N, C-alpha and C. Protein backbone atom coordinates (compact mmCIF):
# COMPACT_ATOMS: atom_id res chain seq x y z
N MET A 1 -5.32 39.20 -16.22
CA MET A 1 -5.42 39.69 -14.83
C MET A 1 -4.03 39.66 -14.19
N ASN A 2 -3.59 40.78 -13.61
CA ASN A 2 -2.24 40.82 -13.09
C ASN A 2 -2.10 40.08 -11.76
N THR A 3 -0.86 39.83 -11.39
CA THR A 3 -0.57 39.02 -10.20
C THR A 3 -1.07 39.67 -8.93
N ILE A 4 -0.94 40.98 -8.82
CA ILE A 4 -1.38 41.69 -7.60
C ILE A 4 -2.88 41.55 -7.42
N LEU A 5 -3.64 41.72 -8.50
CA LEU A 5 -5.10 41.61 -8.42
C LEU A 5 -5.51 40.19 -8.04
N MET A 6 -4.84 39.20 -8.65
CA MET A 6 -5.15 37.81 -8.32
C MET A 6 -4.86 37.54 -6.84
N SER A 7 -3.77 38.09 -6.34
CA SER A 7 -3.42 37.89 -4.93
C SER A 7 -4.47 38.50 -4.02
N LEU A 8 -4.98 39.68 -4.38
CA LEU A 8 -6.01 40.33 -3.57
C LEU A 8 -7.29 39.51 -3.56
N ILE A 9 -7.64 38.94 -4.72
CA ILE A 9 -8.85 38.11 -4.80
C ILE A 9 -8.70 36.89 -3.91
N MET A 10 -7.53 36.25 -3.98
CA MET A 10 -7.30 35.05 -3.18
C MET A 10 -7.33 35.38 -1.69
N MET A 11 -6.76 36.54 -1.32
CA MET A 11 -6.71 36.91 0.09
C MET A 11 -8.09 37.19 0.66
N THR A 12 -9.01 37.62 -0.21
CA THR A 12 -10.35 37.95 0.28
C THR A 12 -11.35 36.81 0.03
N MET A 13 -10.84 35.63 -0.35
CA MET A 13 -11.72 34.49 -0.58
C MET A 13 -12.51 34.17 0.68
N THR A 14 -13.79 33.98 0.51
CA THR A 14 -14.62 33.54 1.63
C THR A 14 -15.29 32.23 1.25
N TYR A 15 -15.60 31.46 2.25
CA TYR A 15 -16.26 30.17 2.04
C TYR A 15 -17.76 30.38 2.19
N GLU A 16 -18.52 29.81 1.27
CA GLU A 16 -19.95 30.08 1.21
C GLU A 16 -20.77 28.80 1.35
N MET A 17 -22.01 29.00 1.72
CA MET A 17 -22.95 27.89 1.79
C MET A 17 -23.28 27.39 0.38
N PRO A 18 -23.38 26.08 0.18
CA PRO A 18 -23.82 25.58 -1.13
C PRO A 18 -25.31 25.86 -1.30
N LYS A 19 -25.71 26.14 -2.50
CA LYS A 19 -27.14 26.35 -2.78
C LYS A 19 -27.79 24.99 -3.01
N LEU A 20 -28.81 24.68 -2.23
CA LEU A 20 -29.47 23.39 -2.37
C LEU A 20 -30.24 23.32 -3.69
N PRO A 21 -30.14 22.20 -4.41
CA PRO A 21 -30.87 22.05 -5.67
C PRO A 21 -32.29 21.54 -5.47
N TYR A 22 -32.82 21.69 -4.27
CA TYR A 22 -34.16 21.23 -3.93
C TYR A 22 -34.68 22.08 -2.78
N ALA A 23 -35.99 22.08 -2.58
CA ALA A 23 -36.59 22.82 -1.47
C ALA A 23 -36.29 22.12 -0.15
N ASN A 24 -36.36 22.86 0.95
CA ASN A 24 -36.03 22.30 2.26
C ASN A 24 -36.93 21.14 2.67
N ASN A 25 -38.13 21.08 2.10
CA ASN A 25 -39.05 19.99 2.45
C ASN A 25 -39.11 18.90 1.39
N ALA A 26 -38.27 19.01 0.36
CA ALA A 26 -38.38 18.12 -0.80
C ALA A 26 -37.90 16.70 -0.54
N LEU A 27 -37.09 16.49 0.49
CA LEU A 27 -36.54 15.16 0.75
C LEU A 27 -37.37 14.36 1.75
N GLU A 28 -38.49 14.94 2.19
CA GLU A 28 -39.36 14.21 3.12
C GLU A 28 -39.97 13.00 2.42
N PRO A 29 -40.20 11.88 3.11
CA PRO A 29 -40.01 11.68 4.55
C PRO A 29 -38.62 11.20 4.95
N VAL A 30 -37.71 11.04 3.98
CA VAL A 30 -36.37 10.53 4.31
C VAL A 30 -35.64 11.50 5.23
N ILE A 31 -35.63 12.78 4.84
CA ILE A 31 -35.05 13.84 5.68
C ILE A 31 -36.10 14.94 5.79
N SER A 32 -36.50 15.25 6.99
CA SER A 32 -37.58 16.22 7.19
C SER A 32 -37.10 17.65 6.95
N GLN A 33 -38.06 18.53 6.71
CA GLN A 33 -37.72 19.95 6.57
C GLN A 33 -37.06 20.46 7.85
N GLN A 34 -37.53 20.01 9.00
CA GLN A 34 -36.95 20.46 10.25
C GLN A 34 -35.47 20.10 10.34
N THR A 35 -35.13 18.88 9.90
CA THR A 35 -33.73 18.48 9.92
C THR A 35 -32.91 19.30 8.94
N ILE A 36 -33.43 19.53 7.73
CA ILE A 36 -32.71 20.38 6.77
C ILE A 36 -32.53 21.78 7.34
N ASP A 37 -33.57 22.32 7.95
CA ASP A 37 -33.48 23.67 8.51
C ASP A 37 -32.38 23.77 9.56
N PHE A 38 -32.26 22.75 10.40
CA PHE A 38 -31.24 22.78 11.44
C PHE A 38 -29.88 22.32 10.93
N HIS A 39 -29.86 21.20 10.22
CA HIS A 39 -28.60 20.60 9.80
C HIS A 39 -27.90 21.47 8.75
N TYR A 40 -28.62 21.83 7.70
CA TYR A 40 -28.07 22.69 6.66
C TYR A 40 -28.05 24.15 7.10
N GLY A 41 -29.20 24.62 7.58
CA GLY A 41 -29.34 26.05 7.85
C GLY A 41 -28.59 26.56 9.06
N LYS A 42 -28.34 25.69 10.05
CA LYS A 42 -27.67 26.14 11.27
C LYS A 42 -26.30 25.47 11.48
N HIS A 43 -26.26 24.13 11.44
CA HIS A 43 -24.97 23.46 11.67
C HIS A 43 -23.95 23.82 10.59
N LEU A 44 -24.32 23.63 9.32
CA LEU A 44 -23.37 23.94 8.25
C LEU A 44 -23.04 25.43 8.23
N GLN A 45 -24.03 26.28 8.45
CA GLN A 45 -23.76 27.72 8.46
C GLN A 45 -22.74 28.07 9.54
N THR A 46 -22.82 27.40 10.67
CA THR A 46 -21.85 27.65 11.75
C THR A 46 -20.45 27.24 11.33
N TYR A 47 -20.31 26.08 10.68
CA TYR A 47 -18.99 25.65 10.21
C TYR A 47 -18.43 26.65 9.20
N VAL A 48 -19.27 27.13 8.29
CA VAL A 48 -18.83 28.10 7.29
C VAL A 48 -18.39 29.40 7.97
N ASN A 49 -19.19 29.88 8.91
CA ASN A 49 -18.84 31.11 9.63
C ASN A 49 -17.54 30.94 10.40
N ASN A 50 -17.40 29.80 11.07
CA ASN A 50 -16.17 29.55 11.83
C ASN A 50 -14.95 29.54 10.93
N LEU A 51 -15.06 28.86 9.79
CA LEU A 51 -13.92 28.78 8.87
C LEU A 51 -13.53 30.16 8.37
N ASN A 52 -14.52 30.97 8.04
CA ASN A 52 -14.24 32.33 7.56
C ASN A 52 -13.59 33.21 8.62
N SER A 53 -13.83 32.90 9.88
CA SER A 53 -13.21 33.70 10.95
C SER A 53 -11.84 33.17 11.34
N LEU A 54 -11.59 31.88 11.10
CA LEU A 54 -10.34 31.26 11.52
C LEU A 54 -9.21 31.39 10.50
N VAL A 55 -9.53 31.37 9.22
CA VAL A 55 -8.51 31.27 8.17
C VAL A 55 -7.73 32.56 7.93
N PRO A 56 -8.36 33.75 7.93
CA PRO A 56 -7.61 34.97 7.62
C PRO A 56 -6.36 35.14 8.50
N GLY A 57 -5.25 35.47 7.83
CA GLY A 57 -4.00 35.67 8.54
C GLY A 57 -3.20 34.41 8.75
N THR A 58 -3.71 33.26 8.27
CA THR A 58 -2.98 32.00 8.40
C THR A 58 -2.45 31.57 7.03
N GLU A 59 -1.67 30.51 7.02
CA GLU A 59 -1.13 29.99 5.77
C GLU A 59 -2.21 29.41 4.86
N TYR A 60 -3.42 29.24 5.40
CA TYR A 60 -4.51 28.65 4.62
C TYR A 60 -5.38 29.70 3.94
N GLU A 61 -5.07 30.96 4.17
CA GLU A 61 -5.85 32.02 3.54
C GLU A 61 -5.74 31.93 2.03
N GLY A 62 -6.89 31.97 1.35
CA GLY A 62 -6.92 31.90 -0.10
C GLY A 62 -6.90 30.50 -0.67
N LYS A 63 -6.85 29.48 0.20
CA LYS A 63 -6.81 28.10 -0.29
C LYS A 63 -8.22 27.51 -0.36
N LYS A 64 -8.40 26.59 -1.29
CA LYS A 64 -9.67 25.89 -1.40
C LYS A 64 -9.85 25.00 -0.18
N VAL A 65 -11.11 24.73 0.14
CA VAL A 65 -11.38 23.94 1.34
C VAL A 65 -10.77 22.55 1.25
N GLU A 66 -10.73 21.97 0.04
CA GLU A 66 -10.13 20.64 -0.12
C GLU A 66 -8.65 20.66 0.25
N GLU A 67 -7.95 21.73 -0.13
CA GLU A 67 -6.53 21.86 0.20
C GLU A 67 -6.32 21.96 1.71
N ILE A 68 -7.20 22.70 2.36
CA ILE A 68 -7.08 22.85 3.81
C ILE A 68 -7.27 21.52 4.50
N VAL A 69 -8.31 20.79 4.10
CA VAL A 69 -8.60 19.50 4.74
C VAL A 69 -7.45 18.52 4.52
N ALA A 70 -6.86 18.56 3.34
CA ALA A 70 -5.79 17.62 3.01
C ALA A 70 -4.50 17.91 3.77
N THR A 71 -4.27 19.17 4.16
CA THR A 71 -2.95 19.54 4.68
C THR A 71 -2.94 20.09 6.10
N ALA A 72 -4.06 20.56 6.60
CA ALA A 72 -4.06 21.19 7.93
C ALA A 72 -3.90 20.15 9.03
N PRO A 73 -3.18 20.49 10.09
CA PRO A 73 -3.09 19.58 11.24
C PRO A 73 -4.41 19.57 12.00
N ASP A 74 -4.57 18.57 12.85
CA ASP A 74 -5.77 18.52 13.68
C ASP A 74 -5.91 19.82 14.47
N GLY A 75 -7.14 20.30 14.56
CA GLY A 75 -7.38 21.55 15.26
C GLY A 75 -8.60 22.24 14.69
N ALA A 76 -8.83 23.46 15.11
CA ALA A 76 -10.06 24.16 14.76
C ALA A 76 -10.21 24.39 13.26
N ILE A 77 -9.14 24.80 12.59
CA ILE A 77 -9.24 25.05 11.15
C ILE A 77 -9.58 23.76 10.41
N PHE A 78 -8.86 22.69 10.74
CA PHE A 78 -9.14 21.41 10.08
C PHE A 78 -10.56 20.94 10.38
N ASN A 79 -10.98 21.01 11.63
CA ASN A 79 -12.31 20.52 12.00
C ASN A 79 -13.41 21.23 11.22
N ASN A 80 -13.33 22.54 11.14
CA ASN A 80 -14.38 23.30 10.46
C ASN A 80 -14.29 23.16 8.95
N ALA A 81 -13.07 23.14 8.41
CA ALA A 81 -12.91 22.93 6.96
C ALA A 81 -13.42 21.55 6.57
N GLY A 82 -13.12 20.55 7.39
CA GLY A 82 -13.59 19.20 7.11
C GLY A 82 -15.10 19.12 7.07
N GLN A 83 -15.74 19.78 8.01
CA GLN A 83 -17.19 19.73 8.04
C GLN A 83 -17.83 20.57 6.93
N VAL A 84 -17.17 21.62 6.49
CA VAL A 84 -17.68 22.36 5.33
C VAL A 84 -17.60 21.48 4.09
N LEU A 85 -16.46 20.84 3.88
CA LEU A 85 -16.31 19.96 2.72
C LEU A 85 -17.28 18.79 2.79
N ASN A 86 -17.34 18.14 3.94
CA ASN A 86 -18.22 16.97 4.10
C ASN A 86 -19.67 17.32 3.80
N HIS A 87 -20.14 18.41 4.39
CA HIS A 87 -21.55 18.76 4.21
C HIS A 87 -21.86 19.27 2.81
N ASN A 88 -20.91 19.95 2.17
CA ASN A 88 -21.14 20.36 0.79
C ASN A 88 -21.39 19.14 -0.09
N LEU A 89 -20.54 18.13 0.05
CA LEU A 89 -20.70 16.91 -0.73
C LEU A 89 -22.00 16.19 -0.36
N TYR A 90 -22.30 16.17 0.92
CA TYR A 90 -23.47 15.46 1.42
C TYR A 90 -24.77 16.04 0.88
N PHE A 91 -24.98 17.33 1.07
CA PHE A 91 -26.27 17.92 0.69
C PHE A 91 -26.47 17.97 -0.83
N LEU A 92 -25.39 18.03 -1.59
CA LEU A 92 -25.52 18.13 -3.04
C LEU A 92 -25.66 16.78 -3.73
N GLN A 93 -25.61 15.68 -2.97
CA GLN A 93 -25.73 14.35 -3.58
C GLN A 93 -27.17 13.83 -3.57
N PHE A 94 -28.11 14.63 -3.07
CA PHE A 94 -29.49 14.17 -2.94
C PHE A 94 -30.40 14.75 -4.02
N ALA A 95 -31.48 14.03 -4.28
CA ALA A 95 -32.54 14.49 -5.17
C ALA A 95 -33.85 13.92 -4.67
N PRO A 96 -34.94 14.69 -4.73
CA PRO A 96 -36.24 14.18 -4.26
C PRO A 96 -36.70 12.94 -5.02
N LYS A 97 -36.47 12.93 -6.32
CA LYS A 97 -36.87 11.79 -7.16
C LYS A 97 -35.72 11.47 -8.12
N PRO A 98 -34.73 10.74 -7.63
CA PRO A 98 -33.57 10.44 -8.49
C PRO A 98 -33.97 9.68 -9.75
N ALA A 99 -33.24 9.93 -10.82
CA ALA A 99 -33.53 9.27 -12.09
C ALA A 99 -33.14 7.79 -12.06
N LYS A 100 -32.19 7.43 -11.18
CA LYS A 100 -31.71 6.05 -11.11
C LYS A 100 -31.81 5.53 -9.68
N LYS A 101 -32.08 4.25 -9.54
CA LYS A 101 -32.12 3.62 -8.22
C LYS A 101 -30.76 3.06 -7.82
N GLU A 102 -29.88 2.93 -8.80
CA GLU A 102 -28.52 2.49 -8.52
C GLU A 102 -27.61 3.03 -9.62
N PRO A 103 -26.31 3.07 -9.36
CA PRO A 103 -25.39 3.67 -10.33
C PRO A 103 -25.24 2.84 -11.59
N THR A 104 -25.00 3.52 -12.70
CA THR A 104 -24.71 2.87 -13.97
C THR A 104 -23.39 3.43 -14.48
N GLY A 105 -23.09 3.19 -15.72
CA GLY A 105 -21.89 3.77 -16.32
C GLY A 105 -20.61 3.34 -15.61
N LYS A 106 -19.61 4.22 -15.62
CA LYS A 106 -18.30 3.85 -15.08
C LYS A 106 -18.34 3.61 -13.58
N LEU A 107 -19.22 4.32 -12.86
CA LEU A 107 -19.33 4.08 -11.42
C LEU A 107 -19.96 2.73 -11.15
N GLY A 108 -21.03 2.42 -11.86
CA GLY A 108 -21.67 1.12 -11.69
C GLY A 108 -20.73 -0.02 -12.00
N GLU A 109 -19.94 0.14 -13.06
CA GLU A 109 -18.97 -0.90 -13.43
C GLU A 109 -17.89 -1.04 -12.37
N ALA A 110 -17.42 0.09 -11.82
CA ALA A 110 -16.38 0.04 -10.80
C ALA A 110 -16.88 -0.61 -9.52
N ILE A 111 -18.13 -0.35 -9.16
CA ILE A 111 -18.71 -0.97 -7.97
C ILE A 111 -18.80 -2.48 -8.14
N LYS A 112 -19.24 -2.93 -9.29
CA LYS A 112 -19.33 -4.37 -9.54
C LYS A 112 -17.94 -5.01 -9.54
N ARG A 113 -16.97 -4.30 -10.09
CA ARG A 113 -15.60 -4.82 -10.13
C ARG A 113 -14.99 -4.95 -8.73
N ASP A 114 -15.18 -3.91 -7.90
CA ASP A 114 -14.50 -3.87 -6.61
C ASP A 114 -15.29 -4.47 -5.46
N PHE A 115 -16.62 -4.60 -5.61
CA PHE A 115 -17.43 -5.13 -4.52
C PHE A 115 -18.27 -6.34 -4.91
N GLY A 116 -18.24 -6.70 -6.18
CA GLY A 116 -18.98 -7.88 -6.63
C GLY A 116 -20.36 -7.57 -7.17
N SER A 117 -21.06 -6.66 -6.50
CA SER A 117 -22.40 -6.25 -6.92
C SER A 117 -22.79 -4.99 -6.17
N PHE A 118 -23.83 -4.33 -6.65
CA PHE A 118 -24.31 -3.14 -5.96
C PHE A 118 -24.84 -3.51 -4.58
N GLU A 119 -25.52 -4.64 -4.47
CA GLU A 119 -26.05 -5.06 -3.17
C GLU A 119 -24.93 -5.35 -2.18
N ASN A 120 -23.85 -5.97 -2.64
CA ASN A 120 -22.71 -6.20 -1.75
C ASN A 120 -22.09 -4.89 -1.29
N PHE A 121 -21.99 -3.95 -2.23
CA PHE A 121 -21.47 -2.63 -1.88
C PHE A 121 -22.32 -1.96 -0.81
N LYS A 122 -23.64 -1.97 -1.01
CA LYS A 122 -24.54 -1.35 -0.03
C LYS A 122 -24.39 -2.01 1.34
N LYS A 123 -24.26 -3.31 1.36
CA LYS A 123 -24.11 -4.04 2.62
C LYS A 123 -22.84 -3.61 3.35
N GLU A 124 -21.73 -3.51 2.61
CA GLU A 124 -20.47 -3.09 3.22
C GLU A 124 -20.52 -1.63 3.66
N PHE A 125 -21.14 -0.80 2.84
CA PHE A 125 -21.22 0.63 3.18
C PHE A 125 -22.10 0.83 4.40
N ASN A 126 -23.24 0.15 4.44
CA ASN A 126 -24.13 0.25 5.60
C ASN A 126 -23.42 -0.19 6.88
N ALA A 127 -22.65 -1.27 6.77
CA ALA A 127 -21.94 -1.77 7.95
C ALA A 127 -20.94 -0.73 8.45
N ALA A 128 -20.28 -0.04 7.53
CA ALA A 128 -19.33 1.00 7.92
C ALA A 128 -20.05 2.15 8.60
N ALA A 129 -21.16 2.59 8.02
CA ALA A 129 -21.89 3.74 8.56
C ALA A 129 -22.51 3.43 9.91
N VAL A 130 -23.15 2.28 10.02
CA VAL A 130 -23.83 1.92 11.27
C VAL A 130 -22.81 1.56 12.35
N GLY A 131 -21.70 0.96 11.94
CA GLY A 131 -20.72 0.48 12.90
C GLY A 131 -19.72 1.51 13.38
N LEU A 132 -19.71 2.69 12.78
CA LEU A 132 -18.76 3.72 13.22
C LEU A 132 -19.11 4.15 14.64
N PHE A 133 -18.14 4.09 15.54
CA PHE A 133 -18.39 4.45 16.93
C PHE A 133 -18.34 5.96 17.09
N GLY A 134 -19.38 6.53 17.68
CA GLY A 134 -19.41 7.97 17.88
C GLY A 134 -19.82 8.71 16.62
N SER A 135 -19.34 9.93 16.50
CA SER A 135 -19.72 10.80 15.38
C SER A 135 -18.75 10.65 14.22
N GLY A 136 -19.27 10.81 13.01
CA GLY A 136 -18.40 10.74 11.85
C GLY A 136 -19.15 10.47 10.56
N TRP A 137 -18.43 9.90 9.61
CA TRP A 137 -18.93 9.74 8.25
C TRP A 137 -18.50 8.40 7.67
N ALA A 138 -19.31 7.86 6.78
CA ALA A 138 -18.92 6.73 5.93
C ALA A 138 -18.79 7.28 4.51
N TRP A 139 -17.71 6.89 3.83
CA TRP A 139 -17.44 7.44 2.50
C TRP A 139 -17.13 6.34 1.49
N LEU A 140 -17.59 6.56 0.27
CA LEU A 140 -17.11 5.83 -0.90
C LEU A 140 -16.18 6.79 -1.62
N SER A 141 -14.96 6.34 -1.87
CA SER A 141 -13.97 7.19 -2.53
C SER A 141 -13.25 6.40 -3.61
N VAL A 142 -12.53 7.13 -4.44
CA VAL A 142 -11.76 6.50 -5.51
C VAL A 142 -10.31 6.95 -5.39
N ASP A 143 -9.38 6.01 -5.62
CA ASP A 143 -7.97 6.39 -5.56
C ASP A 143 -7.46 6.76 -6.95
N LYS A 144 -6.18 7.08 -7.03
CA LYS A 144 -5.61 7.56 -8.29
C LYS A 144 -5.59 6.50 -9.37
N ASN A 145 -5.72 5.24 -8.96
CA ASN A 145 -5.73 4.14 -9.93
C ASN A 145 -7.14 3.72 -10.33
N GLY A 146 -8.15 4.43 -9.79
CA GLY A 146 -9.53 4.13 -10.14
C GLY A 146 -10.19 3.10 -9.26
N LYS A 147 -9.49 2.62 -8.23
CA LYS A 147 -10.07 1.62 -7.33
C LYS A 147 -10.94 2.32 -6.29
N LEU A 148 -12.08 1.71 -5.98
CA LEU A 148 -13.00 2.26 -5.00
C LEU A 148 -12.68 1.77 -3.59
N HIS A 149 -12.95 2.64 -2.61
CA HIS A 149 -12.69 2.31 -1.22
C HIS A 149 -13.86 2.79 -0.35
N ILE A 150 -14.22 2.01 0.65
CA ILE A 150 -15.16 2.43 1.69
C ILE A 150 -14.35 2.72 2.94
N THR A 151 -14.52 3.91 3.50
CA THR A 151 -13.78 4.26 4.71
C THR A 151 -14.72 4.84 5.76
N LYS A 152 -14.31 4.70 7.00
CA LYS A 152 -14.99 5.34 8.13
C LYS A 152 -14.11 6.49 8.59
N GLU A 153 -14.70 7.68 8.68
CA GLU A 153 -13.94 8.87 9.06
C GLU A 153 -14.55 9.46 10.33
N GLY A 154 -13.76 9.56 11.38
CA GLY A 154 -14.26 10.09 12.63
C GLY A 154 -14.43 11.60 12.60
N ASN A 155 -15.44 12.07 13.29
CA ASN A 155 -15.69 13.50 13.46
C ASN A 155 -15.76 14.23 12.12
N GLY A 156 -14.85 15.19 11.85
CA GLY A 156 -14.94 15.96 10.62
C GLY A 156 -13.94 15.56 9.56
N SER A 157 -13.33 14.40 9.69
CA SER A 157 -12.31 14.01 8.72
C SER A 157 -12.93 13.62 7.39
N ASN A 158 -12.07 13.49 6.39
CA ASN A 158 -12.52 13.22 5.02
C ASN A 158 -11.44 12.40 4.31
N PRO A 159 -11.81 11.55 3.36
CA PRO A 159 -10.82 10.71 2.67
C PRO A 159 -9.72 11.47 1.93
N VAL A 160 -9.89 12.76 1.68
CA VAL A 160 -8.82 13.50 1.01
C VAL A 160 -7.54 13.49 1.84
N ARG A 161 -7.67 13.25 3.14
CA ARG A 161 -6.50 13.16 4.02
C ARG A 161 -5.59 12.01 3.60
N ALA A 162 -6.19 10.99 2.99
CA ALA A 162 -5.43 9.81 2.57
C ALA A 162 -5.17 9.81 1.07
N GLY A 163 -5.40 10.94 0.42
CA GLY A 163 -5.16 11.03 -1.01
C GLY A 163 -6.27 10.46 -1.87
N LEU A 164 -7.44 10.23 -1.27
CA LEU A 164 -8.58 9.69 -2.00
C LEU A 164 -9.52 10.80 -2.43
N LYS A 165 -10.34 10.51 -3.43
CA LYS A 165 -11.33 11.47 -3.91
C LYS A 165 -12.71 11.01 -3.45
N PRO A 166 -13.37 11.77 -2.57
CA PRO A 166 -14.67 11.34 -2.05
C PRO A 166 -15.77 11.45 -3.09
N LEU A 167 -16.61 10.42 -3.14
CA LEU A 167 -17.70 10.38 -4.11
C LEU A 167 -19.07 10.43 -3.44
N LEU A 168 -19.23 9.66 -2.37
CA LEU A 168 -20.52 9.51 -1.70
C LEU A 168 -20.28 9.46 -0.20
N GLY A 169 -21.02 10.27 0.56
CA GLY A 169 -20.82 10.29 2.00
C GLY A 169 -22.13 10.24 2.77
N PHE A 170 -22.16 9.43 3.82
CA PHE A 170 -23.31 9.38 4.73
C PHE A 170 -22.89 9.96 6.08
N ASP A 171 -23.62 10.94 6.53
CA ASP A 171 -23.36 11.60 7.80
C ASP A 171 -24.01 10.79 8.91
N VAL A 172 -23.22 10.37 9.90
CA VAL A 172 -23.80 9.65 11.03
C VAL A 172 -23.58 10.38 12.35
N TRP A 173 -23.32 11.68 12.27
CA TRP A 173 -23.43 12.50 13.47
C TRP A 173 -24.91 12.48 13.88
N GLU A 174 -25.19 12.47 15.16
CA GLU A 174 -26.58 12.38 15.60
C GLU A 174 -27.43 13.55 15.12
N HIS A 175 -26.81 14.73 14.96
CA HIS A 175 -27.62 15.88 14.54
C HIS A 175 -28.16 15.70 13.12
N SER A 176 -27.59 14.77 12.36
CA SER A 176 -28.06 14.57 10.98
C SER A 176 -29.34 13.74 10.90
N TYR A 177 -29.67 13.04 11.99
CA TYR A 177 -30.83 12.15 11.90
C TYR A 177 -31.71 12.09 13.14
N TYR A 178 -31.29 12.69 14.25
CA TYR A 178 -32.00 12.43 15.51
C TYR A 178 -33.42 12.97 15.53
N LEU A 179 -33.67 14.08 14.88
CA LEU A 179 -35.04 14.62 14.85
C LEU A 179 -36.00 13.68 14.12
N ASP A 180 -35.48 12.94 13.15
CA ASP A 180 -36.32 12.06 12.33
C ASP A 180 -36.30 10.60 12.78
N TYR A 181 -35.15 10.14 13.28
CA TYR A 181 -35.00 8.71 13.56
C TYR A 181 -34.59 8.41 15.00
N GLN A 182 -34.43 9.44 15.82
CA GLN A 182 -33.98 9.28 17.19
C GLN A 182 -32.69 8.43 17.22
N ASN A 183 -32.67 7.32 17.94
CA ASN A 183 -31.44 6.53 18.05
C ASN A 183 -31.33 5.45 16.98
N ARG A 184 -32.20 5.48 15.97
CA ARG A 184 -32.23 4.42 14.96
C ARG A 184 -31.32 4.78 13.77
N ARG A 185 -30.03 4.75 14.03
CA ARG A 185 -29.08 5.12 12.98
C ARG A 185 -29.23 4.25 11.74
N ALA A 186 -29.43 2.96 11.93
CA ALA A 186 -29.55 2.04 10.79
C ALA A 186 -30.72 2.42 9.88
N ASP A 187 -31.83 2.85 10.47
CA ASP A 187 -32.98 3.27 9.66
C ASP A 187 -32.64 4.50 8.83
N HIS A 188 -31.93 5.43 9.45
CA HIS A 188 -31.47 6.63 8.74
C HIS A 188 -30.59 6.26 7.55
N VAL A 189 -29.63 5.39 7.79
CA VAL A 189 -28.70 4.98 6.73
C VAL A 189 -29.44 4.27 5.61
N ASN A 190 -30.31 3.34 5.95
CA ASN A 190 -31.06 2.61 4.92
C ASN A 190 -31.95 3.53 4.09
N ALA A 191 -32.52 4.54 4.72
CA ALA A 191 -33.43 5.44 4.01
C ALA A 191 -32.71 6.33 3.01
N LEU A 192 -31.46 6.69 3.29
CA LEU A 192 -30.74 7.62 2.43
C LEU A 192 -30.55 7.11 1.00
N TRP A 193 -30.49 5.80 0.83
CA TRP A 193 -30.25 5.26 -0.51
C TRP A 193 -31.33 5.69 -1.51
N SER A 194 -32.53 5.93 -1.03
CA SER A 194 -33.64 6.24 -1.94
C SER A 194 -33.59 7.67 -2.49
N ILE A 195 -32.69 8.51 -1.96
CA ILE A 195 -32.62 9.90 -2.45
C ILE A 195 -31.24 10.24 -3.02
N ILE A 196 -30.42 9.24 -3.29
CA ILE A 196 -29.10 9.50 -3.87
C ILE A 196 -29.23 9.81 -5.36
N ASP A 197 -28.65 10.92 -5.77
CA ASP A 197 -28.59 11.28 -7.19
C ASP A 197 -27.30 10.68 -7.75
N TRP A 198 -27.42 9.52 -8.38
CA TRP A 198 -26.24 8.79 -8.83
C TRP A 198 -25.51 9.50 -9.95
N ASP A 199 -26.18 10.35 -10.69
CA ASP A 199 -25.49 11.14 -11.72
C ASP A 199 -24.50 12.10 -11.07
N VAL A 200 -24.90 12.73 -9.97
CA VAL A 200 -24.01 13.64 -9.25
C VAL A 200 -22.80 12.87 -8.71
N VAL A 201 -23.06 11.71 -8.11
CA VAL A 201 -21.97 10.91 -7.53
C VAL A 201 -20.99 10.47 -8.61
N GLU A 202 -21.51 9.98 -9.73
CA GLU A 202 -20.63 9.51 -10.81
C GLU A 202 -19.81 10.66 -11.38
N ASN A 203 -20.38 11.84 -11.47
CA ASN A 203 -19.66 12.99 -12.02
C ASN A 203 -18.50 13.43 -11.14
N ARG A 204 -18.44 12.93 -9.91
CA ARG A 204 -17.32 13.27 -9.03
C ARG A 204 -16.09 12.40 -9.28
N MET A 205 -16.25 11.34 -10.07
CA MET A 205 -15.12 10.43 -10.32
C MET A 205 -14.03 11.13 -11.14
């Protein structure tokens, strides 16, 4: 493929909605169909539409969303790119009936090494998610040396800003849980563990 054709393809790159690997009602009662319809179908779609309208004609045209989030300054492009990346990772980490209740393999070993046990990890992660003031995300990420980190990211930010690779993210914006849990953020966070597809999370390492 010649350079001109590749350039044209990159210039016309558009950001798309991820295809859910489950039906909109499949995560009930943890996440209701109504929440999926609004959160995935409307909120994420808006971020995708916004990003596609903001990027053309800028230095970010043709770049992957991860590159934009890692390098863009605070502002509309960063905010929408961050939320596209965050939600893509979020919605694709779930399964109605996960094969595992906790991680095994290299991820399970890394969690035990860096947090002492899976239960200790969950306790620290829950504290980060529930304790984050305002809107944002709690993330489990891995650095270039293989060490795991739990971070709190405000609004649409993501650990890639700090050179980390995100593995698992919990959304604590109110729109992610208010229809199902109202102001009970802790209940939302605790419930999410039962639908995590640990194979997907481990494959992100």
